């Protein structure tokens, strides 16, 4: 598992009874309008103990020390086999926009303020004023961003609710169950 026992415990302590915090995290990543209380609450996600876990979830990077079968980054998810280069190009542009966007959201989380130069999710919606290639890439990027944020928020929700057992506890339980 990519998450340590300590990380899972922190996720459990933070989110297991606070789905509202997960919704706030999703709202932050998708550039929703935050009221003053929500802006203050978002600072929790930038703390030194939660930030690495959130980053591991929303912006996976290759970690060569991770357990077997757990290597992951955004580029690894691109299927390049037998693809039409035009279709692949759209996905590559959209995925690059996703990575840039998520990096910008982390910069905002750490700095505590928005940057007007960052990608705006609202600018990626379809507009007939855009050339069709640009509209297609922007829409693909928008959809990829929303799906990635939603999927990773759900991942945190699932992980926060898991029963907390260390490897020793799992082995002990399995041994006990096998002796019945």
N, C-alpha and C. Protein backbone atom coordinates (compact mmCIF):
# COMPACT_ATOMS: atom_id res chain seq x y z
N UNK A 1 0.84 -1.18 0.00
CA UNK A 1 0.00 0.00 0.00
C UNK A 1 0.88 1.24 0.00
N UNK A 2 0.49 2.24 -0.77
CA UNK A 2 1.27 3.47 -0.89
C UNK A 2 1.24 4.31 0.38
N UNK A 3 0.30 4.03 1.27
CA UNK A 3 0.14 4.83 2.48
C UNK A 3 0.58 4.04 3.70
N UNK A 4 1.36 4.68 4.55
CA UNK A 4 1.85 4.01 5.76
C UNK A 4 0.74 3.93 6.80
N UNK A 5 0.96 3.12 7.82
CA UNK A 5 0.01 3.01 8.92
C UNK A 5 -0.23 4.38 9.57
N UNK A 6 0.84 5.16 9.71
CA UNK A 6 0.72 6.49 10.32
C UNK A 6 -0.13 7.42 9.46
N UNK A 7 0.08 7.34 8.14
CA UNK A 7 -0.70 8.17 7.22
C UNK A 7 -2.18 7.77 7.26
N UNK A 8 -2.44 6.47 7.28
CA UNK A 8 -3.82 6.00 7.35
C UNK A 8 -4.49 6.42 8.65
N UNK A 9 -3.74 6.39 9.74
CA UNK A 9 -4.30 6.82 11.02
C UNK A 9 -4.63 8.31 10.98
N UNK A 10 -3.75 9.11 10.40
CA UNK A 10 -4.00 10.54 10.29
C UNK A 10 -5.22 10.81 9.40
N UNK A 11 -5.34 10.08 8.30
CA UNK A 11 -6.51 10.22 7.45
C UNK A 11 -7.78 9.85 8.21
N UNK A 12 -7.70 8.77 8.97
CA UNK A 12 -8.84 8.32 9.76
C UNK A 12 -9.21 9.38 10.80
N UNK A 13 -8.22 9.90 11.50
CA UNK A 13 -8.47 10.91 12.53
C UNK A 13 -9.04 12.19 11.94
N UNK A 14 -8.62 12.53 10.74
CA UNK A 14 -9.02 13.79 10.12
C UNK A 14 -10.36 13.71 9.40
N UNK A 15 -10.57 12.63 8.64
CA UNK A 15 -11.71 12.60 7.72
C UNK A 15 -12.80 11.58 8.02
N UNK A 16 -12.56 10.61 8.88
CA UNK A 16 -13.52 9.51 9.01
C UNK A 16 -14.90 9.98 9.44
N UNK A 17 -14.98 11.01 10.25
CA UNK A 17 -16.28 11.54 10.67
C UNK A 17 -16.53 12.94 10.12
N UNK A 18 -15.69 13.38 9.18
CA UNK A 18 -15.77 14.75 8.66
C UNK A 18 -15.80 14.76 7.14
N UNK A 19 -16.86 14.20 6.57
CA UNK A 19 -17.00 14.22 5.12
C UNK A 19 -17.05 15.66 4.61
N UNK A 20 -17.50 16.58 5.46
CA UNK A 20 -17.54 17.99 5.07
C UNK A 20 -16.15 18.52 4.73
N UNK A 21 -15.11 18.00 5.41
CA UNK A 21 -13.74 18.43 5.10
C UNK A 21 -13.30 17.90 3.74
N UNK A 22 -13.72 16.70 3.39
CA UNK A 22 -13.40 16.16 2.07
C UNK A 22 -14.10 16.96 0.98
N UNK A 23 -15.34 17.33 1.24
CA UNK A 23 -16.08 18.15 0.27
C UNK A 23 -15.41 19.52 0.13
N UNK A 24 -14.93 20.07 1.24
CA UNK A 24 -14.21 21.34 1.19
C UNK A 24 -12.91 21.20 0.40
N UNK A 25 -12.20 20.10 0.60
CA UNK A 25 -10.97 19.86 -0.15
C UNK A 25 -11.26 19.79 -1.64
N UNK A 26 -12.31 19.06 -2.00
CA UNK A 26 -12.72 18.97 -3.41
C UNK A 26 -13.09 20.36 -3.94
N UNK A 27 -13.84 21.11 -3.15
CA UNK A 27 -14.25 22.46 -3.54
C UNK A 27 -13.03 23.35 -3.77
N UNK A 28 -12.03 23.23 -2.91
CA UNK A 28 -10.80 24.01 -3.07
C UNK A 28 -10.10 23.63 -4.37
N UNK A 29 -9.91 22.33 -4.60
CA UNK A 29 -9.21 21.89 -5.81
C UNK A 29 -9.94 22.27 -7.08
N UNK A 30 -11.27 22.38 -7.02
CA UNK A 30 -12.04 22.74 -8.20
C UNK A 30 -12.37 24.24 -8.24
N UNK A 31 -11.67 25.02 -7.45
CA UNK A 31 -11.75 26.48 -7.45
C UNK A 31 -13.16 26.99 -7.16
N UNK A 32 -13.86 26.31 -6.26
CA UNK A 32 -15.17 26.79 -5.84
C UNK A 32 -15.03 28.05 -5.01
N UNK A 33 -16.09 28.83 -4.94
CA UNK A 33 -16.08 30.03 -4.10
C UNK A 33 -16.12 29.62 -2.64
N UNK A 34 -15.15 30.09 -1.88
CA UNK A 34 -15.04 29.76 -0.46
C UNK A 34 -15.42 30.97 0.38
N UNK A 35 -16.22 30.74 1.42
CA UNK A 35 -16.50 31.84 2.34
C UNK A 35 -15.32 31.95 3.31
N UNK A 36 -15.36 32.90 4.20
CA UNK A 36 -14.23 33.16 5.09
C UNK A 36 -13.93 31.97 6.01
N UNK A 37 -14.96 31.32 6.51
CA UNK A 37 -14.76 30.14 7.38
C UNK A 37 -14.09 29.03 6.59
N UNK A 38 -14.54 28.81 5.35
CA UNK A 38 -13.94 27.77 4.52
C UNK A 38 -12.49 28.10 4.18
N UNK A 39 -12.21 29.37 3.89
CA UNK A 39 -10.83 29.77 3.60
C UNK A 39 -9.92 29.48 4.78
N UNK A 40 -10.43 29.72 5.97
CA UNK A 40 -9.65 29.44 7.18
C UNK A 40 -9.47 27.93 7.35
N UNK A 41 -10.52 27.18 7.09
CA UNK A 41 -10.46 25.72 7.25
C UNK A 41 -9.51 25.06 6.25
N UNK A 42 -9.39 25.64 5.06
CA UNK A 42 -8.51 25.08 4.03
C UNK A 42 -7.06 25.07 4.50
N UNK A 43 -6.72 25.97 5.39
CA UNK A 43 -5.34 26.03 5.91
C UNK A 43 -4.94 24.73 6.58
N UNK A 44 -5.92 23.99 7.11
CA UNK A 44 -5.65 22.68 7.73
C UNK A 44 -4.95 21.75 6.74
N UNK A 45 -5.35 21.81 5.47
CA UNK A 45 -4.79 20.91 4.46
C UNK A 45 -3.34 21.22 4.14
N UNK A 46 -2.90 22.42 4.43
CA UNK A 46 -1.53 22.82 4.15
C UNK A 46 -0.57 22.54 5.29
N UNK A 47 -1.04 21.89 6.35
CA UNK A 47 -0.17 21.61 7.49
C UNK A 47 0.87 20.57 7.11
N UNK A 48 1.98 20.59 7.82
CA UNK A 48 3.11 19.74 7.47
C UNK A 48 2.78 18.25 7.52
N UNK A 49 1.81 17.85 8.33
CA UNK A 49 1.52 16.42 8.41
C UNK A 49 0.48 15.97 7.38
N UNK A 50 -0.46 16.83 7.00
CA UNK A 50 -1.48 16.45 6.01
C UNK A 50 -1.05 16.70 4.57
N UNK A 51 -0.28 17.74 4.35
CA UNK A 51 0.09 18.13 2.99
C UNK A 51 0.76 16.99 2.20
N UNK A 52 1.73 16.28 2.76
CA UNK A 52 2.35 15.20 1.98
C UNK A 52 1.37 14.09 1.59
N UNK A 53 0.41 13.80 2.45
CA UNK A 53 -0.58 12.76 2.16
C UNK A 53 -1.51 13.25 1.05
N UNK A 54 -1.94 14.48 1.15
CA UNK A 54 -2.83 15.05 0.13
C UNK A 54 -2.09 15.13 -1.21
N UNK A 55 -0.83 15.51 -1.15
CA UNK A 55 -0.05 15.59 -2.39
C UNK A 55 0.13 14.20 -3.00
N UNK A 56 0.41 13.20 -2.16
CA UNK A 56 0.58 11.83 -2.65
C UNK A 56 -0.70 11.35 -3.33
N UNK A 57 -1.84 11.84 -2.86
CA UNK A 57 -3.12 11.43 -3.40
C UNK A 57 -3.46 12.16 -4.69
N UNK A 58 -3.35 13.48 -4.67
CA UNK A 58 -3.81 14.30 -5.80
C UNK A 58 -2.75 14.55 -6.86
N UNK A 59 -1.49 14.39 -6.51
CA UNK A 59 -0.41 14.63 -7.46
C UNK A 59 0.63 13.53 -7.33
N UNK A 60 0.26 12.31 -7.72
CA UNK A 60 1.19 11.19 -7.53
C UNK A 60 2.44 11.35 -8.37
N UNK A 61 3.56 11.05 -7.74
CA UNK A 61 4.85 11.09 -8.42
C UNK A 61 5.53 9.75 -8.21
N UNK A 62 6.37 9.35 -9.14
CA UNK A 62 7.07 8.08 -8.99
C UNK A 62 7.92 8.12 -7.72
N UNK A 63 7.69 7.16 -6.87
CA UNK A 63 8.46 6.99 -5.64
C UNK A 63 9.03 5.59 -5.71
N UNK A 64 10.32 5.49 -5.99
CA UNK A 64 10.93 4.20 -6.24
C UNK A 64 11.04 3.34 -4.99
N UNK A 65 10.72 3.89 -3.84
CA UNK A 65 10.72 3.12 -2.59
C UNK A 65 9.33 2.59 -2.24
N UNK A 66 8.35 2.88 -3.06
CA UNK A 66 6.98 2.43 -2.80
C UNK A 66 6.89 0.92 -3.01
N UNK A 67 5.94 0.25 -2.35
CA UNK A 67 5.81 -1.21 -2.51
C UNK A 67 5.58 -1.60 -3.97
N UNK A 68 5.90 -2.85 -4.27
CA UNK A 68 5.69 -3.37 -5.62
C UNK A 68 4.23 -3.23 -6.02
N UNK A 69 4.02 -2.87 -7.27
CA UNK A 69 2.67 -2.72 -7.80
C UNK A 69 2.00 -1.40 -7.44
N UNK A 70 2.73 -0.50 -6.81
CA UNK A 70 2.15 0.76 -6.36
C UNK A 70 2.74 1.99 -7.04
N UNK A 71 3.65 1.80 -8.01
CA UNK A 71 4.23 2.94 -8.72
C UNK A 71 3.15 3.65 -9.52
N UNK A 72 3.13 4.97 -9.42
CA UNK A 72 2.08 5.72 -10.09
C UNK A 72 2.51 7.17 -10.29
N UNK A 73 2.24 7.69 -11.46
CA UNK A 73 2.25 9.12 -11.71
C UNK A 73 1.23 9.37 -12.83
N UNK A 74 0.97 10.63 -13.12
CA UNK A 74 -0.06 10.93 -14.13
C UNK A 74 0.31 10.46 -15.53
N UNK A 75 1.59 10.45 -15.86
CA UNK A 75 1.99 10.04 -17.21
C UNK A 75 1.87 8.54 -17.40
N UNK A 76 1.98 7.79 -16.33
CA UNK A 76 1.87 6.34 -16.42
C UNK A 76 0.46 5.91 -16.85
N UNK A 77 -0.50 6.78 -16.65
CA UNK A 77 -1.89 6.46 -16.97
C UNK A 77 -2.23 6.65 -18.46
N UNK A 78 -1.29 7.15 -19.25
CA UNK A 78 -1.53 7.36 -20.68
C UNK A 78 -1.28 6.05 -21.42
N UNK A 79 -2.31 5.56 -22.09
CA UNK A 79 -2.17 4.34 -22.90
C UNK A 79 -1.71 4.77 -24.29
N UNK A 80 -0.50 4.39 -24.66
CA UNK A 80 0.07 4.82 -25.94
C UNK A 80 0.02 3.74 -27.01
N UNK A 81 -0.39 2.54 -26.65
CA UNK A 81 -0.36 1.41 -27.60
C UNK A 81 -1.45 1.54 -28.65
N UNK A 82 -1.04 1.55 -29.92
CA UNK A 82 -1.97 1.50 -31.04
C UNK A 82 -2.90 2.70 -31.13
N UNK A 83 -2.53 3.82 -30.59
CA UNK A 83 -3.40 4.99 -30.59
C UNK A 83 -3.13 5.88 -31.80
N UNK A 84 -4.17 6.51 -32.27
CA UNK A 84 -4.07 7.53 -33.31
C UNK A 84 -3.33 8.72 -32.69
N UNK A 85 -2.34 9.24 -33.40
CA UNK A 85 -1.52 10.32 -32.84
C UNK A 85 -2.32 11.59 -32.56
N UNK A 86 -3.35 11.87 -33.35
CA UNK A 86 -4.17 13.06 -33.09
C UNK A 86 -4.92 12.92 -31.77
N UNK A 87 -5.49 11.73 -31.53
CA UNK A 87 -6.20 11.49 -30.27
C UNK A 87 -5.23 11.51 -29.09
N UNK A 88 -4.07 10.91 -29.29
CA UNK A 88 -3.05 10.88 -28.25
C UNK A 88 -2.58 12.30 -27.93
N UNK A 89 -2.43 13.12 -28.95
CA UNK A 89 -1.98 14.49 -28.75
C UNK A 89 -2.96 15.25 -27.87
N UNK A 90 -4.25 15.09 -28.09
CA UNK A 90 -5.26 15.75 -27.26
C UNK A 90 -5.12 15.30 -25.81
N UNK A 91 -4.98 14.00 -25.60
CA UNK A 91 -4.83 13.50 -24.23
C UNK A 91 -3.56 14.02 -23.58
N UNK A 92 -2.47 14.08 -24.33
CA UNK A 92 -1.21 14.58 -23.77
C UNK A 92 -1.33 16.06 -23.38
N UNK A 93 -1.94 16.86 -24.24
CA UNK A 93 -2.15 18.28 -23.91
C UNK A 93 -3.04 18.42 -22.67
N UNK A 94 -4.11 17.63 -22.64
CA UNK A 94 -5.05 17.70 -21.52
C UNK A 94 -4.37 17.23 -20.22
N UNK A 95 -3.59 16.17 -20.30
CA UNK A 95 -2.92 15.65 -19.11
C UNK A 95 -1.88 16.65 -18.61
N UNK A 96 -1.18 17.29 -19.55
CA UNK A 96 -0.22 18.32 -19.15
C UNK A 96 -0.95 19.47 -18.43
N UNK A 97 -2.11 19.85 -18.94
CA UNK A 97 -2.91 20.90 -18.28
C UNK A 97 -3.34 20.43 -16.89
N UNK A 98 -3.73 19.17 -16.75
CA UNK A 98 -4.10 18.61 -15.44
C UNK A 98 -2.95 18.73 -14.45
N UNK A 99 -1.77 18.30 -14.86
CA UNK A 99 -0.60 18.34 -13.97
C UNK A 99 -0.28 19.78 -13.59
N UNK A 100 -0.30 20.67 -14.57
CA UNK A 100 -0.03 22.09 -14.30
C UNK A 100 -1.07 22.65 -13.32
N UNK A 101 -2.33 22.35 -13.58
CA UNK A 101 -3.43 22.83 -12.74
C UNK A 101 -3.28 22.34 -11.30
N UNK A 102 -3.04 21.05 -11.11
CA UNK A 102 -2.93 20.50 -9.75
C UNK A 102 -1.71 21.09 -9.04
N UNK A 103 -0.61 21.24 -9.75
CA UNK A 103 0.57 21.89 -9.16
C UNK A 103 0.24 23.31 -8.72
N UNK A 104 -0.52 24.03 -9.54
CA UNK A 104 -0.91 25.39 -9.19
C UNK A 104 -1.81 25.41 -7.96
N UNK A 105 -2.70 24.44 -7.84
CA UNK A 105 -3.59 24.38 -6.66
C UNK A 105 -2.76 24.12 -5.40
N UNK A 106 -1.71 23.28 -5.51
CA UNK A 106 -0.85 23.06 -4.34
C UNK A 106 -0.07 24.32 -3.99
N UNK A 107 0.37 25.04 -5.00
CA UNK A 107 1.07 26.31 -4.75
C UNK A 107 0.14 27.26 -4.00
N UNK A 108 -1.11 27.31 -4.42
CA UNK A 108 -2.12 28.15 -3.78
C UNK A 108 -2.37 27.68 -2.35
N UNK A 109 -2.44 26.37 -2.15
CA UNK A 109 -2.66 25.82 -0.81
C UNK A 109 -1.52 26.19 0.13
N UNK A 110 -0.31 26.09 -0.36
CA UNK A 110 0.87 26.38 0.45
C UNK A 110 0.99 27.88 0.72
N UNK A 111 0.77 28.70 -0.32
CA UNK A 111 0.91 30.16 -0.18
C UNK A 111 -0.29 30.81 0.48
N UNK A 112 -1.42 30.13 0.46
CA UNK A 112 -2.63 30.68 1.07
C UNK A 112 -3.31 31.76 0.26
N UNK A 113 -2.97 31.85 -1.03
CA UNK A 113 -3.63 32.86 -1.87
C UNK A 113 -3.66 32.41 -3.32
N UNK A 114 -4.67 32.90 -4.02
CA UNK A 114 -4.83 32.59 -5.44
C UNK A 114 -3.84 33.40 -6.26
N UNK A 115 -3.47 32.86 -7.40
CA UNK A 115 -2.58 33.54 -8.34
C UNK A 115 -3.38 33.74 -9.63
N UNK A 116 -3.54 34.97 -10.05
CA UNK A 116 -4.34 35.28 -11.24
C UNK A 116 -3.76 34.69 -12.52
N UNK A 117 -2.50 34.28 -12.49
CA UNK A 117 -1.88 33.70 -13.68
C UNK A 117 -2.20 32.21 -13.83
N UNK A 118 -2.77 31.61 -12.80
CA UNK A 118 -3.06 30.17 -12.82
C UNK A 118 -4.21 29.84 -13.76
N UNK A 119 -4.25 28.57 -14.17
CA UNK A 119 -5.35 28.08 -15.00
C UNK A 119 -6.64 28.20 -14.21
N UNK A 120 -7.67 28.71 -14.85
CA UNK A 120 -9.00 28.80 -14.23
C UNK A 120 -9.85 27.69 -14.82
N UNK A 121 -10.41 26.87 -13.96
CA UNK A 121 -11.25 25.77 -14.43
C UNK A 121 -12.39 26.29 -15.29
N UNK A 122 -12.92 27.43 -14.91
CA UNK A 122 -14.04 28.01 -15.67
C UNK A 122 -13.64 28.40 -17.09
N UNK A 123 -12.36 28.61 -17.34
CA UNK A 123 -11.92 28.98 -18.69
C UNK A 123 -11.80 27.77 -19.61
N UNK A 124 -11.95 26.57 -19.05
CA UNK A 124 -11.80 25.36 -19.85
C UNK A 124 -13.13 24.82 -20.39
N UNK A 125 -14.23 25.47 -20.03
CA UNK A 125 -15.53 25.03 -20.55
C UNK A 125 -15.62 25.35 -22.03
N UNK A 126 -16.53 24.66 -22.70
CA UNK A 126 -16.69 24.88 -24.14
C UNK A 126 -17.20 26.28 -24.43
N UNK A 127 -16.65 26.86 -25.46
CA UNK A 127 -17.12 28.14 -25.98
C UNK A 127 -17.02 28.09 -27.49
N UNK A 128 -18.09 28.52 -28.15
CA UNK A 128 -18.07 28.52 -29.62
C UNK A 128 -17.08 29.53 -30.17
N UNK A 129 -16.58 30.42 -29.31
CA UNK A 129 -15.59 31.41 -29.73
C UNK A 129 -14.19 30.82 -29.85
N UNK A 130 -13.99 29.62 -29.30
CA UNK A 130 -12.69 28.97 -29.38
C UNK A 130 -12.61 28.17 -30.68
N UNK A 131 -11.42 28.07 -31.21
CA UNK A 131 -11.22 27.17 -32.35
C UNK A 131 -11.49 25.75 -31.85
N UNK A 132 -11.99 24.90 -32.72
CA UNK A 132 -12.46 23.57 -32.31
C UNK A 132 -11.37 22.75 -31.63
N UNK A 133 -10.14 22.80 -32.12
CA UNK A 133 -9.03 22.05 -31.50
C UNK A 133 -8.80 22.54 -30.07
N UNK A 134 -8.78 23.84 -29.87
CA UNK A 134 -8.58 24.43 -28.54
C UNK A 134 -9.76 24.08 -27.63
N UNK A 135 -10.97 24.17 -28.16
CA UNK A 135 -12.16 23.84 -27.37
C UNK A 135 -12.13 22.38 -26.93
N UNK A 136 -11.72 21.51 -27.83
CA UNK A 136 -11.66 20.07 -27.54
C UNK A 136 -10.61 19.77 -26.47
N UNK A 137 -9.43 20.33 -26.61
CA UNK A 137 -8.36 20.11 -25.62
C UNK A 137 -8.77 20.68 -24.27
N UNK A 138 -9.33 21.89 -24.25
CA UNK A 138 -9.75 22.51 -22.99
C UNK A 138 -10.83 21.68 -22.30
N UNK A 139 -11.80 21.20 -23.07
CA UNK A 139 -12.87 20.40 -22.48
C UNK A 139 -12.32 19.07 -21.95
N UNK A 140 -11.41 18.47 -22.69
CA UNK A 140 -10.78 17.22 -22.22
C UNK A 140 -10.01 17.48 -20.93
N UNK A 141 -9.29 18.60 -20.86
CA UNK A 141 -8.54 18.94 -19.64
C UNK A 141 -9.49 19.19 -18.48
N UNK A 142 -10.55 19.94 -18.72
CA UNK A 142 -11.54 20.22 -17.68
C UNK A 142 -12.11 18.94 -17.11
N UNK A 143 -12.54 18.04 -18.00
CA UNK A 143 -13.14 16.80 -17.56
C UNK A 143 -12.14 15.92 -16.81
N UNK A 144 -10.89 15.91 -17.28
CA UNK A 144 -9.85 15.13 -16.63
C UNK A 144 -9.56 15.68 -15.23
N UNK A 145 -9.54 17.00 -15.09
CA UNK A 145 -9.30 17.63 -13.79
C UNK A 145 -10.42 17.28 -12.82
N UNK A 146 -11.65 17.46 -13.25
CA UNK A 146 -12.79 17.18 -12.36
C UNK A 146 -12.82 15.71 -11.96
N UNK A 147 -12.64 14.82 -12.92
CA UNK A 147 -12.66 13.38 -12.62
C UNK A 147 -11.52 13.00 -11.69
N UNK A 148 -10.34 13.53 -11.91
CA UNK A 148 -9.19 13.22 -11.06
C UNK A 148 -9.42 13.71 -9.64
N UNK A 149 -9.91 14.93 -9.49
CA UNK A 149 -10.16 15.46 -8.14
C UNK A 149 -11.24 14.64 -7.44
N UNK A 150 -12.31 14.33 -8.15
CA UNK A 150 -13.39 13.54 -7.54
C UNK A 150 -12.90 12.15 -7.15
N UNK A 151 -12.22 11.47 -8.06
CA UNK A 151 -11.72 10.12 -7.77
C UNK A 151 -10.76 10.12 -6.58
N UNK A 152 -9.88 11.09 -6.51
CA UNK A 152 -8.91 11.13 -5.42
C UNK A 152 -9.54 11.54 -4.10
N UNK A 153 -10.58 12.37 -4.15
CA UNK A 153 -11.31 12.71 -2.93
C UNK A 153 -12.02 11.47 -2.39
N UNK A 154 -12.60 10.70 -3.29
CA UNK A 154 -13.24 9.44 -2.89
C UNK A 154 -12.20 8.47 -2.32
N UNK A 155 -11.02 8.44 -2.92
CA UNK A 155 -9.95 7.58 -2.40
C UNK A 155 -9.62 7.96 -0.95
N UNK A 156 -9.50 9.25 -0.67
CA UNK A 156 -9.23 9.69 0.71
C UNK A 156 -10.36 9.28 1.64
N UNK A 157 -11.59 9.40 1.16
CA UNK A 157 -12.76 9.03 1.96
C UNK A 157 -12.71 7.54 2.30
N UNK A 158 -12.42 6.71 1.31
CA UNK A 158 -12.33 5.27 1.54
C UNK A 158 -11.19 4.95 2.50
N UNK A 159 -10.02 5.53 2.26
CA UNK A 159 -8.87 5.26 3.12
C UNK A 159 -9.11 5.73 4.55
N UNK A 160 -9.83 6.81 4.71
CA UNK A 160 -10.05 7.34 6.07
C UNK A 160 -10.99 6.47 6.88
N UNK A 161 -11.77 5.65 6.19
CA UNK A 161 -12.72 4.81 6.91
C UNK A 161 -12.26 3.39 7.11
N UNK A 162 -11.08 3.04 6.62
CA UNK A 162 -10.61 1.67 6.73
C UNK A 162 -10.25 1.34 8.17
N UNK A 163 -10.43 0.09 8.50
CA UNK A 163 -10.02 -0.41 9.81
C UNK A 163 -8.51 -0.29 9.89
N UNK A 164 -8.03 0.20 11.01
CA UNK A 164 -6.61 0.42 11.19
C UNK A 164 -5.95 -0.82 11.80
N UNK A 165 -5.18 -1.51 11.00
CA UNK A 165 -4.42 -2.65 11.48
C UNK A 165 -2.99 -2.53 10.96
N UNK A 166 -2.04 -2.77 11.84
CA UNK A 166 -0.65 -2.83 11.41
C UNK A 166 -0.41 -4.18 10.77
N UNK A 167 0.73 -4.35 10.13
CA UNK A 167 1.07 -5.63 9.53
C UNK A 167 1.08 -6.74 10.58
N UNK A 168 1.61 -6.45 11.76
CA UNK A 168 1.64 -7.46 12.83
C UNK A 168 0.23 -7.86 13.23
N UNK A 169 -0.66 -6.88 13.34
CA UNK A 169 -2.05 -7.18 13.71
C UNK A 169 -2.75 -8.02 12.64
N UNK A 170 -2.48 -7.72 11.37
CA UNK A 170 -3.07 -8.49 10.27
C UNK A 170 -2.57 -9.94 10.33
N UNK A 171 -1.25 -10.11 10.52
CA UNK A 171 -0.68 -11.45 10.60
C UNK A 171 -1.26 -12.22 11.78
N UNK A 172 -1.39 -11.56 12.91
CA UNK A 172 -1.93 -12.19 14.11
C UNK A 172 -3.38 -12.62 13.87
N UNK A 173 -4.18 -11.75 13.27
CA UNK A 173 -5.58 -12.06 13.00
C UNK A 173 -5.69 -13.21 12.01
N UNK A 174 -4.88 -13.19 10.95
CA UNK A 174 -4.92 -14.26 9.96
C UNK A 174 -4.50 -15.59 10.57
N UNK A 175 -3.49 -15.58 11.42
CA UNK A 175 -3.05 -16.80 12.08
C UNK A 175 -4.16 -17.32 13.00
N UNK A 176 -4.76 -16.41 13.74
CA UNK A 176 -5.86 -16.79 14.65
C UNK A 176 -7.03 -17.38 13.86
N UNK A 177 -7.38 -16.74 12.72
CA UNK A 177 -8.50 -17.23 11.90
C UNK A 177 -8.19 -18.57 11.25
N UNK A 178 -6.93 -18.82 10.91
CA UNK A 178 -6.56 -20.06 10.24
C UNK A 178 -6.54 -21.25 11.21
N UNK A 179 -6.46 -20.98 12.49
CA UNK A 179 -6.40 -22.06 13.47
C UNK A 179 -7.77 -22.54 13.89
N UNK A 180 -8.83 -21.96 13.34
CA UNK A 180 -10.19 -22.35 13.71
C UNK A 180 -10.61 -23.61 13.01
